[in-house]
Amino acid sequence: MTITAPLASAPASHRASQAVWRRFRRQPGAVVGLMIAAALLLICLFAPWLTPHDPTTQYPSGLSDLGSPLPPTRTFWFGTDGLGRDVYSRLLFGTRTSLYIALMSNLIATSVALLLGTVAGYFGGLTDTLIMRLTDVLISFPVLLLASFLAAVLRPGTGVIIAVIGGVSWFYLARIVRAELLSIRRREYIDAARALGASDARIVFRHALPQVLGQVLVYSTLNFSTTVLFVAALSYVGIGVQPPTPDWGNMIADGSQYLTVSPWLVIFPGIFLGLSVLSFNLLGDGLRDALDPKSGKKAN
């Protein structure tokens, strides 16, 4: 029994994964979102090989005789900014910066939410009360305002921005995980595992958490787009990624003063920002429908 049970469950798990993938790929929006997200990932990985210029170098030939940014040319494909830097190169490296910060802060937020939500939902009692009251207090603050305050008080930098955004993005997911654990811990198979002498750690990691990972994945994917906007917003107001490191937010902020004469400085990073938000929203919606059996039946 102990040898054949895992072997028997493997084909079932494989079939379930195939069913999820079939439901996912039948949704055109989800496939488009996946393709855009994959393209952005490739840009992040291969930015040094895709860019013809250094993103921080101020080129004398990158400004007009009047000292104005240049429009797109053969040398500077997306034009130059007010300091003569190549917008195309800055845009690709800005993609790497923005998505890296969004990914790391989202991982922090998801980890904290899983930890606190699981502890509160599984153990309940005073622990649940303390964690949920803390969550309620933090939710009452406007998240962007709270993140801006923390980023302004602390020394601006990539590590600080990751910690700040991750620290203010876990509230709602923690409540979702806690609600699911409250329901799961009362189910018969949890009682059976406890009666057989399974430890709390084994019950949580073997029987409880796998039941909520689907929802966590969907929420984290949808939250990724919000995190990207967080990064851009903090950089736009000057308390996010600091120059000369390129980032979509500070590129839009720098280009806003040239909006009427050099609109490409805002248009190109705005397009990339919009595409990233759109792709992860479509991807999250597709995952939610693919992981929901009812949605799968409707799709069939």
Foldseek 3Di string as FASTA:
>chain_A
DVVVVVVVVVVVVVVLVVLLVVLLVLDVLQVLLVVLVVVLVVLLVCLVVPDPDDQADQDPVQADPVQQWADADPVQRHTAFSRSGRLVSLLSLQSNLLLVLLVLLLVLLLVVLLVLLLCCQQVPDPSVVVSLVVLVVLVVDDLLVQLLVQLVVDQEDSVSNSCSSSVSRNSVSSPVSSVQSNVQCPDDVVVVCVVVPDDPVCCCVPPRVVVCVLVSVLVSLLCSLVSSVSQLVCVLVPSYHHPPRRHLNVQLNSCVVCCVPSVSSNVVSVVSSVSNNSSSNSNSVSSVLSVDVVSSVVSD
